[in-house]
Protein backbone atom coordinates (compact mmCIF):
# COMPACT_ATOMS: atom_id res chain seq x y z
CA MET A 1 1.77 -2.76 8.69
CA SER A 2 4.47 -0.17 8.64
CA LEU A 3 4.02 0.08 12.46
CA SER A 4 4.44 -3.66 12.69
CA LEU A 5 7.69 -3.63 10.85
CA SER A 6 9.08 -0.67 12.85
CA LEU A 7 8.38 -2.40 16.01
CA ARG A 8 9.91 -5.43 14.77
CA SER A 9 12.98 -3.65 13.62
CA GLN A 10 13.30 -1.80 17.03
CA LEU A 11 12.97 -5.17 18.96
CA THR A 12 15.84 -6.69 16.62
CA GLN A 13 17.95 -3.77 17.17
CA ARG A 14 17.55 -4.01 20.97
CA THR A 15 18.15 -7.74 20.91
CA ASN A 16 21.36 -7.22 18.68
CA LEU A 17 22.56 -4.35 21.23
CA ARG A 18 21.94 -6.68 24.22
CA HIS A 19 23.98 -9.47 22.50
CA TYR A 20 26.74 -7.18 21.58
CA LEU A 21 26.95 -5.57 25.07
CA GLY A 22 26.65 -9.26 26.77
CA LEU A 23 29.65 -10.25 24.45
CA ARG A 24 31.57 -7.21 25.20
CA HIS A 25 31.33 -7.91 28.85
CA SER A 26 32.17 -11.61 28.59
CA LEU A 27 35.20 -10.60 26.65
CA ASN A 28 36.19 -8.17 29.24
CA LEU A 29 35.98 -10.48 32.07
CA GLU A 30 37.90 -13.05 30.11
CA GLN A 31 40.51 -10.45 29.60
CA ARG A 32 40.52 -9.52 33.15
CA CYS A 33 40.97 -12.96 34.41
CA GLU A 34 43.81 -13.70 31.97
CA LEU A 35 45.57 -10.60 33.07
CA ARG A 36 45.04 -11.47 36.68
CA GLN A 37 46.40 -14.77 36.05
CA GLU A 38 49.69 -13.56 34.33
CA LEU A 39 50.14 -11.03 37.44
CA VAL A 40 49.46 -13.91 39.90
CA LYS A 41 52.17 -15.91 38.20
CA SER A 42 54.61 -12.89 37.83
CA ASP A 43 54.26 -12.12 41.67
CA SER A 44 54.65 -15.99 42.45
CA ASP A 45 57.69 -16.22 40.48
CA ARG A 46 59.12 -13.39 42.47
CA TYR A 47 58.29 -15.23 45.77
CA ARG A 48 59.94 -18.35 44.49
CA GLU A 49 63.16 -16.51 43.60
CA PHE A 50 63.33 -15.05 47.02
CA LEU A 51 62.80 -18.64 48.65
CA GLY A 52 65.70 -19.61 46.34
CA PHE A 53 67.88 -16.89 48.13
CA ILE A 54 66.63 -18.03 51.48
CA SER A 55 67.50 -21.54 50.83
CA SER A 56 70.99 -20.58 49.86
CA MET A 57 71.53 -18.26 52.72
CA HIS A 58 70.00 -20.19 55.56
CA GLY A 59 70.18 -23.71 54.15
CA VAL A 60 66.36 -24.25 54.71
CA LYS A 61 63.69 -24.77 52.35
CA MET A 62 59.97 -23.90 52.29
CA LEU A 63 57.25 -23.28 50.14
CA PRO A 64 53.86 -21.84 51.23
CA ALA A 65 50.94 -24.22 50.03
CA ALA A 66 47.32 -24.13 50.01
CA THR A 67 44.70 -26.48 48.38
CA CYS A 68 41.01 -25.54 49.02
CA PRO A 69 39.27 -28.05 51.07
CA LYS A 70 35.98 -27.44 49.24
CA CYS A 71 36.98 -27.16 45.52
CA SER A 72 40.32 -28.39 45.62
CA THR A 73 41.87 -25.53 43.83
CA GLY A 74 45.53 -25.27 44.56
CA LEU A 75 46.65 -21.60 45.21
CA GLN A 76 49.63 -19.99 43.98
CA ILE A 77 51.90 -18.14 46.48
CA ALA A 78 50.69 -14.75 45.43
CA GLU A 79 46.98 -15.85 45.72
CA ILE A 80 47.75 -17.28 49.53
CA VAL A 81 49.10 -13.84 50.17
CA LEU A 82 46.33 -11.87 48.54
CA GLY A 83 43.68 -13.97 50.51
CA PHE A 84 44.78 -13.04 53.95
CA LYS A 85 42.93 -10.74 56.07
CA THR A 86 44.46 -7.88 58.10
CA ASP A 87 43.09 -9.58 61.33
CA VAL A 88 46.16 -10.62 63.07
CA ASN A 89 44.00 -13.42 64.71
CA ASP A 90 42.67 -14.81 61.66
CA PHE A 91 45.16 -17.05 60.13
CA THR A 92 43.11 -18.04 56.87
CA THR A 93 43.38 -17.23 53.32
CA GLN A 94 40.65 -17.32 50.72
CA CYS A 95 40.11 -19.54 47.96
CA PRO A 96 40.01 -17.16 44.77
CA LYS A 97 37.52 -19.69 43.07
CA CYS A 98 34.82 -20.62 45.69
CA LYS A 99 35.86 -17.95 48.34
CA VAL A 100 35.80 -20.51 51.14
CA ARG A 101 38.36 -19.53 53.86
CA PHE A 102 40.91 -22.14 55.34
CA GLU A 103 44.36 -22.07 56.82
CA PRO A 104 47.57 -22.38 54.51
CA THR A 105 50.80 -24.03 55.47
CA ASN A 106 54.40 -23.74 54.79
CA LEU A 107 55.75 -27.12 53.19
CA LEU A 108 59.26 -27.83 54.62
CA SER A 109 59.81 -31.27 53.26
CA PHE A 110 58.58 -32.98 50.10
CA GLN A 111 60.15 -36.18 51.31
CA THR A 112 58.48 -36.39 54.83
CA GLY A 113 55.61 -33.83 54.00
CA ARG A 114 56.49 -31.83 57.27
CA GLU A 115 54.50 -28.64 57.13
CA VAL A 116 53.81 -25.76 59.58
CA GLY A 117 51.35 -22.93 59.62
CA PHE A 118 52.05 -20.03 57.25
CA TYR A 119 51.35 -16.45 58.61
CA CYS A 120 51.05 -13.12 56.80
CA ASN A 121 53.36 -10.22 57.44
CA PRO A 122 51.20 -8.34 60.26
CA GLN A 123 50.48 -11.73 61.89
CA THR A 124 54.21 -12.77 61.89
CA ARG A 125 55.29 -9.47 63.34
CA ASN A 126 52.52 -9.83 66.06
CA GLN A 127 53.70 -13.00 67.39
CA LEU A 128 57.41 -11.91 67.69
CA PRO A 129 57.64 -9.90 70.88
CA GLY A 130 58.64 -11.95 73.80
CA LYS A 131 60.60 -14.56 71.70
CA GLU A 132 63.79 -12.37 71.46
CA THR A 133 65.56 -14.25 74.19
CA LEU A 134 65.61 -17.52 72.02
CA GLU A 135 68.43 -18.82 70.08
CA PRO A 136 67.41 -19.46 66.37
CA ALA A 137 67.56 -23.36 66.74
CA ASP A 138 65.08 -23.19 69.89
CA PHE A 139 62.83 -20.41 67.91
CA GLU A 140 62.72 -22.79 64.89
CA LYS A 141 61.78 -25.73 67.32
CA GLN A 142 59.38 -24.10 69.66
CA PHE A 143 57.67 -21.68 67.08
CA SER A 144 58.14 -23.15 63.74
CA GLU A 145 55.14 -21.31 62.06
CA VAL A 146 56.65 -17.87 63.16
CA TYR A 147 60.10 -18.99 62.40
CA TYR A 148 59.53 -19.70 58.73
CA SER A 149 56.94 -17.16 58.11
CA ALA A 150 59.53 -14.47 59.53
CA LEU A 151 62.19 -15.91 56.99
CA PHE A 152 59.69 -15.63 54.11
CA TRP A 153 58.54 -12.15 54.89
CA PHE A 154 61.83 -10.49 56.19
CA GLY A 155 64.85 -12.71 55.11
CA SER A 156 66.12 -13.03 58.74
CA LEU A 157 65.02 -12.82 62.29
CA PHE A 158 67.23 -9.88 62.62
CA ASN A 159 65.41 -8.00 60.01
CA ALA A 160 61.95 -9.43 61.49
CA PHE A 161 62.62 -8.35 64.96
CA LYS A 162 63.99 -4.81 63.78
CA MET A 163 60.40 -4.24 62.26
CA VAL A 164 58.86 -4.48 65.68
CA GLY A 165 61.70 -2.28 67.36
CA ILE A 166 63.50 -5.08 68.95
CA GLU A 167 67.33 -5.88 68.56
CA TYR A 168 68.04 -9.40 67.73
CA ARG A 169 71.74 -10.56 67.12
CA ARG A 170 71.65 -14.34 67.81
CA GLU A 171 71.74 -15.58 64.27
CA LYS A 172 75.12 -16.51 62.98
CA PHE A 173 75.86 -15.47 59.25
CA ASP A 174 78.88 -16.51 57.41
CA LEU A 175 78.43 -13.95 54.62
CA LYS A 176 82.10 -14.14 53.47
CA THR A 177 81.65 -17.62 52.37
CA LYS A 178 78.47 -16.99 50.83
CA ALA A 179 79.23 -13.67 49.55
CA ARG A 180 79.44 -14.44 45.76
CA THR A 181 76.05 -16.19 46.08
CA CYS A 182 74.23 -12.84 46.94
CA LEU A 183 76.55 -9.85 46.55
CA GLY A 184 75.59 -7.97 43.34
CA LYS A 185 72.62 -10.07 42.81
CA VAL A 186 70.63 -8.18 45.22
CA SER A 187 70.92 -4.66 46.37
CA ASP A 188 73.46 -3.75 48.85
CA GLN A 189 70.61 -2.18 50.90
CA ASP A 190 68.79 -5.51 51.07
CA ILE A 191 71.82 -7.33 52.28
CA SER A 192 72.23 -4.66 54.83
CA ARG A 193 68.60 -5.21 56.17
CA ILE A 194 68.88 -9.02 56.27
CA PHE A 195 72.25 -9.39 57.72
CA GLY A 196 72.42 -6.32 60.00
CA LEU A 197 75.41 -4.74 58.52
CA ARG A 198 76.09 -1.24 57.50
CA ILE A 199 75.57 -0.56 53.68
CA LYS A 200 78.91 0.72 53.58
CA GLU A 201 80.37 -2.57 54.86
CA VAL A 202 78.42 -4.49 52.32
CA ALA A 203 79.65 -2.27 49.48
CA GLU A 204 83.22 -2.51 50.58
CA MET A 205 82.97 -6.29 50.58
CA ARG A 206 81.43 -6.27 47.11
CA LYS A 207 84.18 -3.98 45.87
CA THR A 208 86.84 -6.03 47.35
CA LEU A 209 85.60 -9.01 45.52
CA LYS A 210 85.11 -6.83 42.22
CA ILE A 211 81.51 -7.69 41.97
CA PRO A 212 79.45 -4.99 40.26
CA ALA A 213 76.66 -3.34 42.14
CA TYR A 214 72.99 -4.66 41.79
CA THR A 215 71.25 -2.59 39.06
CA GLY A 216 67.60 -3.67 39.84
CA LYS A 217 65.34 -1.13 41.46
CA LYS A 218 63.00 -3.43 43.50
CA SER A 219 63.73 -4.82 46.89
CA ILE A 220 63.65 -8.60 46.95
CA ILE A 221 62.35 -8.71 50.37
CA PRO A 222 58.67 -9.57 50.04
CA ALA A 223 57.56 -7.37 53.19
CA ASN A 224 58.80 -4.35 51.12
CA TRP A 225 56.59 -5.27 48.10
CA SER A 226 53.01 -4.40 47.05
CA LEU A 227 51.43 -6.93 44.76
CA SER A 228 50.87 -6.23 41.08
CA PHE A 229 47.09 -7.11 41.35
CA SER A 230 44.18 -6.95 43.54
CA ALA A 231 41.15 -9.17 44.09
């Protein structure tokens, strides 16, 4: 009798332990999922802020977009970026829900629905050599997916080509007209990188306009970021 009670007690304890461990594992998964979503949203918001900067500087609008063809999950910008491979010939991202791979796009117009392919940082850089003789308008017309991906990652064609060791000075920037839109709101160094100016020139322009220096520590240029989360 006592042996039977003892066995029952041990079985009950084991069952309770398994239930506890299962519950704790479930809570941990739920907490990790919630944390990941918060970080995804935070990084996606940073991308959108930069896209606002690109819109004001270049007069163009774009929005990386991806909807999974299998489960219809809509990916946030940071999820699209996370899903890219390092293979410069594989232009697919991965759905975080069902793991299917497909090609994301860059939405250029909500009115017409115009969209082009969206490439990751290494893929964009890989596509640049050989296009340095093109004027920006011709570049945009002939290689729209590379053009808009370059603006997304580097802020300008000048900065994008610089990353692959090529001098490109065909863009026309009227920085003085747009100075109050960006000076002091991003770092002098980022303005220097994007517009191809010396940092000293940017600082002098900002001081002339009596605009305080940017106090943030992070670069606004996506190519300089590391994401807050991992898969």
